[in-house]
Amino acid sequence: MIVTTTNQVEKRTIAKYQGIVFGEVITGINVFKDIGASVRNVLGGRSKSYENELLVAREEAIAEMVERAKKVDADAIVGMKMDYEVLGSDNGMLMVTCSGTAVLLD
């Protein structure tokens, strides 16, 4: 399935709008990743464990959105947007959401 941040698909015409579809993932960050990130925060550098967690959450959110688009028989998702939030009393949860418009193409 085509997923794009643009409002159209190049060289294709949108025949019908099937509605807005969403993908949401909320994941916990464990204590070991927090410790590693704290060390990186003091010493500088990138936190590979957090980056990997974000990558997985992003891929899962997009996959969920695509599955929801398939349920409405869409060919593509246009205008896809993604958002990230930190949740929980100790900011220990990461939420990744994405949305877009499911469409049928000619």
N, C-alpha and C. Protein backbone atom coordinates (compact mmCIF):
# COMPACT_ATOMS: atom_id res chain seq x y z
N MET A 1 0.84 -1.18 0.00
CA MET A 1 0.00 0.00 0.00
C MET A 1 0.88 1.24 0.00
N ILE A 2 0.48 2.21 -0.78
CA ILE A 2 1.20 3.48 -0.84
C ILE A 2 0.83 4.31 0.38
N VAL A 3 1.83 4.80 1.11
CA VAL A 3 1.62 5.72 2.23
C VAL A 3 2.50 6.94 1.95
N THR A 4 1.87 8.10 1.89
CA THR A 4 2.62 9.31 1.55
C THR A 4 2.17 10.49 2.41
N THR A 5 3.10 11.39 2.63
CA THR A 5 2.78 12.61 3.36
C THR A 5 2.16 13.67 2.45
N THR A 6 2.23 13.44 1.16
CA THR A 6 1.64 14.39 0.21
C THR A 6 0.13 14.15 0.12
N ASN A 7 -0.58 15.09 -0.49
CA ASN A 7 -2.04 14.98 -0.60
C ASN A 7 -2.49 14.30 -1.89
N GLN A 8 -1.54 13.77 -2.63
CA GLN A 8 -1.87 13.06 -3.87
C GLN A 8 -0.80 12.01 -4.13
N VAL A 9 -1.10 11.13 -5.05
CA VAL A 9 -0.14 10.11 -5.48
C VAL A 9 0.24 10.45 -6.91
N GLU A 10 1.53 10.61 -7.13
CA GLU A 10 2.02 11.02 -8.44
C GLU A 10 1.50 10.09 -9.54
N LYS A 11 1.01 10.71 -10.60
CA LYS A 11 0.52 10.02 -11.80
C LYS A 11 -0.71 9.14 -11.53
N ARG A 12 -1.38 9.37 -10.41
CA ARG A 12 -2.60 8.63 -10.08
C ARG A 12 -3.68 9.63 -9.69
N THR A 13 -4.92 9.27 -9.89
CA THR A 13 -6.05 10.11 -9.53
C THR A 13 -6.80 9.46 -8.37
N ILE A 14 -7.16 10.28 -7.40
CA ILE A 14 -7.95 9.78 -6.28
C ILE A 14 -9.39 9.66 -6.75
N ALA A 15 -9.94 8.45 -6.70
CA ALA A 15 -11.30 8.19 -7.15
C ALA A 15 -12.31 8.37 -6.01
N LYS A 16 -11.89 8.02 -4.78
CA LYS A 16 -12.82 8.08 -3.67
C LYS A 16 -12.05 8.18 -2.36
N TYR A 17 -12.58 8.98 -1.46
CA TYR A 17 -12.01 9.09 -0.12
C TYR A 17 -12.74 8.11 0.79
N GLN A 18 -11.97 7.27 1.48
CA GLN A 18 -12.55 6.24 2.33
C GLN A 18 -12.59 6.64 3.81
N GLY A 19 -12.04 7.79 4.14
CA GLY A 19 -12.08 8.26 5.53
C GLY A 19 -10.68 8.33 6.13
N ILE A 20 -10.64 8.88 7.32
CA ILE A 20 -9.38 9.03 8.04
C ILE A 20 -9.07 7.73 8.78
N VAL A 21 -7.81 7.31 8.71
CA VAL A 21 -7.37 6.11 9.43
C VAL A 21 -6.23 6.50 10.38
N PHE A 22 -6.14 5.75 11.47
CA PHE A 22 -5.16 6.05 12.52
C PHE A 22 -4.36 4.80 12.87
N GLY A 23 -3.19 5.03 13.40
CA GLY A 23 -2.37 3.98 14.01
C GLY A 23 -1.82 4.54 15.30
N GLU A 24 -1.95 3.79 16.38
CA GLU A 24 -1.46 4.25 17.68
C GLU A 24 -0.66 3.15 18.35
N VAL A 25 0.44 3.55 18.96
CA VAL A 25 1.25 2.61 19.74
C VAL A 25 1.68 3.33 21.01
N ILE A 26 1.48 2.67 22.14
CA ILE A 26 1.99 3.17 23.42
C ILE A 26 2.90 2.08 23.96
N THR A 27 4.14 2.45 24.23
CA THR A 27 5.12 1.47 24.68
C THR A 27 5.85 1.99 25.90
N GLY A 28 6.21 1.09 26.78
CA GLY A 28 6.95 1.47 27.98
C GLY A 28 8.45 1.40 27.72
N ILE A 29 9.16 2.30 28.34
CA ILE A 29 10.62 2.30 28.27
C ILE A 29 11.11 1.68 29.58
N ASN A 30 11.90 0.62 29.49
CA ASN A 30 12.29 -0.07 30.72
C ASN A 30 13.44 0.63 31.44
N VAL A 31 13.66 0.20 32.66
CA VAL A 31 14.65 0.85 33.54
C VAL A 31 16.07 0.78 32.97
N PHE A 32 16.41 -0.31 32.28
CA PHE A 32 17.76 -0.44 31.74
C PHE A 32 18.02 0.58 30.62
N LYS A 33 17.00 0.80 29.80
CA LYS A 33 17.14 1.81 28.75
C LYS A 33 17.24 3.20 29.38
N ASP A 34 16.47 3.42 30.47
CA ASP A 34 16.53 4.71 31.16
C ASP A 34 17.93 4.97 31.73
N ILE A 35 18.55 3.94 32.28
CA ILE A 35 19.90 4.09 32.85
C ILE A 35 20.89 4.44 31.75
N GLY A 36 20.81 3.72 30.64
CA GLY A 36 21.71 3.98 29.52
C GLY A 36 21.51 5.39 28.95
N ALA A 37 20.25 5.81 28.87
CA ALA A 37 19.96 7.15 28.36
C ALA A 37 20.46 8.22 29.32
N SER A 38 20.37 7.95 30.63
CA SER A 38 20.86 8.91 31.62
C SER A 38 22.35 9.11 31.49
N VAL A 39 23.08 8.02 31.27
CA VAL A 39 24.53 8.12 31.08
C VAL A 39 24.83 8.94 29.83
N ARG A 40 24.11 8.68 28.74
CA ARG A 40 24.30 9.43 27.50
C ARG A 40 23.98 10.91 27.71
N ASN A 41 22.97 11.18 28.54
CA ASN A 41 22.57 12.56 28.81
C ASN A 41 23.71 13.33 29.49
N VAL A 42 24.43 12.65 30.38
CA VAL A 42 25.54 13.28 31.09
C VAL A 42 26.78 13.39 30.19
N LEU A 43 27.10 12.31 29.51
CA LEU A 43 28.33 12.25 28.71
C LEU A 43 28.16 12.78 27.29
N GLY A 44 26.94 12.87 26.84
CA GLY A 44 26.69 13.29 25.46
C GLY A 44 26.60 12.09 24.54
N GLY A 45 26.08 12.29 23.38
CA GLY A 45 25.95 11.21 22.41
C GLY A 45 24.52 10.78 22.23
N ARG A 46 24.34 9.84 21.35
CA ARG A 46 23.00 9.36 21.01
C ARG A 46 22.63 8.16 21.85
N SER A 47 21.35 8.03 22.13
CA SER A 47 20.84 6.89 22.87
C SER A 47 20.26 5.88 21.88
N LYS A 48 21.05 4.89 21.52
CA LYS A 48 20.62 3.88 20.55
C LYS A 48 19.41 3.11 21.05
N SER A 49 19.32 2.84 22.35
CA SER A 49 18.19 2.07 22.86
C SER A 49 16.89 2.85 22.68
N TYR A 50 16.89 4.15 22.96
CA TYR A 50 15.70 4.96 22.74
C TYR A 50 15.40 5.10 21.25
N GLU A 51 16.42 5.27 20.45
CA GLU A 51 16.22 5.39 19.00
C GLU A 51 15.58 4.12 18.45
N ASN A 52 16.05 2.97 18.90
CA ASN A 52 15.49 1.70 18.43
C ASN A 52 14.04 1.55 18.88
N GLU A 53 13.75 1.94 20.13
CA GLU A 53 12.39 1.88 20.65
C GLU A 53 11.47 2.77 19.81
N LEU A 54 11.93 3.95 19.47
CA LEU A 54 11.16 4.87 18.65
C LEU A 54 10.94 4.31 17.25
N LEU A 55 11.96 3.72 16.66
CA LEU A 55 11.86 3.12 15.34
C LEU A 55 10.80 2.02 15.31
N VAL A 56 10.84 1.14 16.29
CA VAL A 56 9.87 0.03 16.36
C VAL A 56 8.46 0.58 16.54
N ALA A 57 8.28 1.54 17.44
CA ALA A 57 6.96 2.11 17.68
C ALA A 57 6.42 2.80 16.43
N ARG A 58 7.28 3.51 15.73
CA ARG A 58 6.87 4.19 14.50
C ARG A 58 6.43 3.18 13.44
N GLU A 59 7.20 2.12 13.25
CA GLU A 59 6.86 1.09 12.26
C GLU A 59 5.55 0.40 12.62
N GLU A 60 5.33 0.12 13.92
CA GLU A 60 4.09 -0.53 14.36
C GLU A 60 2.88 0.38 14.15
N ALA A 61 3.04 1.68 14.41
CA ALA A 61 1.93 2.62 14.22
C ALA A 61 1.55 2.70 12.75
N ILE A 62 2.53 2.75 11.87
CA ILE A 62 2.25 2.80 10.43
C ILE A 62 1.58 1.50 9.98
N ALA A 63 2.07 0.37 10.46
CA ALA A 63 1.48 -0.92 10.09
C ALA A 63 0.03 -1.01 10.55
N GLU A 64 -0.26 -0.51 11.73
CA GLU A 64 -1.64 -0.52 12.23
C GLU A 64 -2.53 0.36 11.37
N MET A 65 -2.02 1.53 10.98
CA MET A 65 -2.78 2.43 10.13
C MET A 65 -3.07 1.79 8.77
N VAL A 66 -2.07 1.12 8.21
CA VAL A 66 -2.24 0.43 6.92
C VAL A 66 -3.29 -0.67 7.04
N GLU A 67 -3.27 -1.43 8.12
CA GLU A 67 -4.27 -2.49 8.32
C GLU A 67 -5.68 -1.91 8.37
N ARG A 68 -5.82 -0.78 9.02
CA ARG A 68 -7.14 -0.13 9.09
C ARG A 68 -7.56 0.39 7.73
N ALA A 69 -6.62 0.85 6.92
CA ALA A 69 -6.94 1.30 5.56
C ALA A 69 -7.37 0.12 4.69
N LYS A 70 -6.73 -1.02 4.88
CA LYS A 70 -7.11 -2.22 4.12
C LYS A 70 -8.53 -2.64 4.45
N LYS A 71 -8.96 -2.45 5.69
CA LYS A 71 -10.32 -2.83 6.10
C LYS A 71 -11.39 -2.01 5.39
N VAL A 72 -11.02 -0.84 4.89
CA VAL A 72 -11.98 -0.02 4.13
C VAL A 72 -11.65 -0.07 2.64
N ASP A 73 -10.88 -1.09 2.24
CA ASP A 73 -10.54 -1.37 0.84
C ASP A 73 -9.78 -0.23 0.16
N ALA A 74 -8.96 0.48 0.89
CA ALA A 74 -8.18 1.59 0.32
C ALA A 74 -6.98 1.06 -0.46
N ASP A 75 -6.55 1.86 -1.43
CA ASP A 75 -5.33 1.57 -2.20
C ASP A 75 -4.13 2.32 -1.67
N ALA A 76 -4.41 3.44 -0.97
CA ALA A 76 -3.33 4.30 -0.51
C ALA A 76 -3.78 5.11 0.69
N ILE A 77 -2.80 5.70 1.36
CA ILE A 77 -3.06 6.65 2.44
C ILE A 77 -2.31 7.92 2.07
N VAL A 78 -3.03 9.03 1.98
CA VAL A 78 -2.40 10.31 1.65
C VAL A 78 -2.47 11.24 2.85
N GLY A 79 -1.59 12.24 2.84
CA GLY A 79 -1.58 13.24 3.90
C GLY A 79 -1.21 12.67 5.26
N MET A 80 -0.35 11.65 5.28
CA MET A 80 0.02 11.00 6.53
C MET A 80 0.82 11.96 7.41
N LYS A 81 0.44 11.99 8.69
CA LYS A 81 1.14 12.79 9.69
C LYS A 81 1.46 11.90 10.87
N MET A 82 2.54 12.22 11.57
CA MET A 82 2.97 11.42 12.71
C MET A 82 3.24 12.34 13.89
N ASP A 83 2.96 11.84 15.10
CA ASP A 83 3.16 12.62 16.31
C ASP A 83 3.73 11.71 17.39
N TYR A 84 4.53 12.30 18.27
CA TYR A 84 5.16 11.58 19.37
C TYR A 84 4.83 12.30 20.67
N GLU A 85 4.53 11.55 21.72
CA GLU A 85 4.27 12.12 23.04
C GLU A 85 4.91 11.22 24.10
N VAL A 86 5.21 11.81 25.23
CA VAL A 86 5.69 11.06 26.39
C VAL A 86 4.57 11.09 27.42
N LEU A 87 4.22 9.92 27.94
CA LEU A 87 3.10 9.79 28.87
C LEU A 87 3.54 9.17 30.19
N GLY A 88 2.64 9.21 31.15
CA GLY A 88 2.87 8.56 32.43
C GLY A 88 3.38 9.53 33.48
N SER A 89 3.18 9.15 34.73
CA SER A 89 3.59 10.02 35.82
C SER A 89 5.10 10.23 35.86
N ASP A 90 5.85 9.24 35.40
CA ASP A 90 7.31 9.36 35.37
C ASP A 90 7.84 9.51 33.95
N ASN A 91 6.95 9.85 33.01
CA ASN A 91 7.31 9.98 31.60
C ASN A 91 7.93 8.69 31.05
N GLY A 92 7.47 7.56 31.55
CA GLY A 92 8.05 6.28 31.15
C GLY A 92 7.36 5.60 29.99
N MET A 93 6.39 6.27 29.38
CA MET A 93 5.67 5.68 28.26
C MET A 93 5.84 6.57 27.03
N LEU A 94 6.01 5.94 25.89
CA LEU A 94 6.14 6.65 24.63
C LEU A 94 4.91 6.34 23.78
N MET A 95 4.25 7.38 23.28
CA MET A 95 3.09 7.20 22.40
C MET A 95 3.44 7.74 21.02
N VAL A 96 3.22 6.91 20.03
CA VAL A 96 3.41 7.30 18.63
C VAL A 96 2.07 7.14 17.94
N THR A 97 1.60 8.21 17.31
CA THR A 97 0.35 8.15 16.57
C THR A 97 0.59 8.63 15.15
N CYS A 98 -0.15 8.06 14.22
CA CYS A 98 -0.11 8.54 12.85
C CYS A 98 -1.53 8.52 12.30
N SER A 99 -1.77 9.38 11.34
CA SER A 99 -3.08 9.44 10.71
C SER A 99 -2.92 9.86 9.26
N GLY A 100 -3.90 9.52 8.48
CA GLY A 100 -3.92 9.90 7.08
C GLY A 100 -5.28 9.61 6.49
N THR A 101 -5.47 9.97 5.25
CA THR A 101 -6.72 9.74 4.58
C THR A 101 -6.60 8.52 3.67
N ALA A 102 -7.45 7.53 3.92
CA ALA A 102 -7.48 6.33 3.09
C ALA A 102 -8.23 6.65 1.80
N VAL A 103 -7.64 6.27 0.67
CA VAL A 103 -8.25 6.61 -0.63
C VAL A 103 -8.25 5.41 -1.58
N LEU A 104 -9.17 5.46 -2.53
CA LEU A 104 -9.17 4.54 -3.67
C LEU A 104 -8.57 5.30 -4.85
N LEU A 105 -7.70 4.65 -5.59
CA LEU A 105 -7.06 5.28 -6.74
C LEU A 105 -7.64 4.73 -8.04
N ASP A 106 -7.65 5.59 -9.07
CA ASP A 106 -8.03 5.14 -10.41
C ASP A 106 -6.85 4.45 -11.05
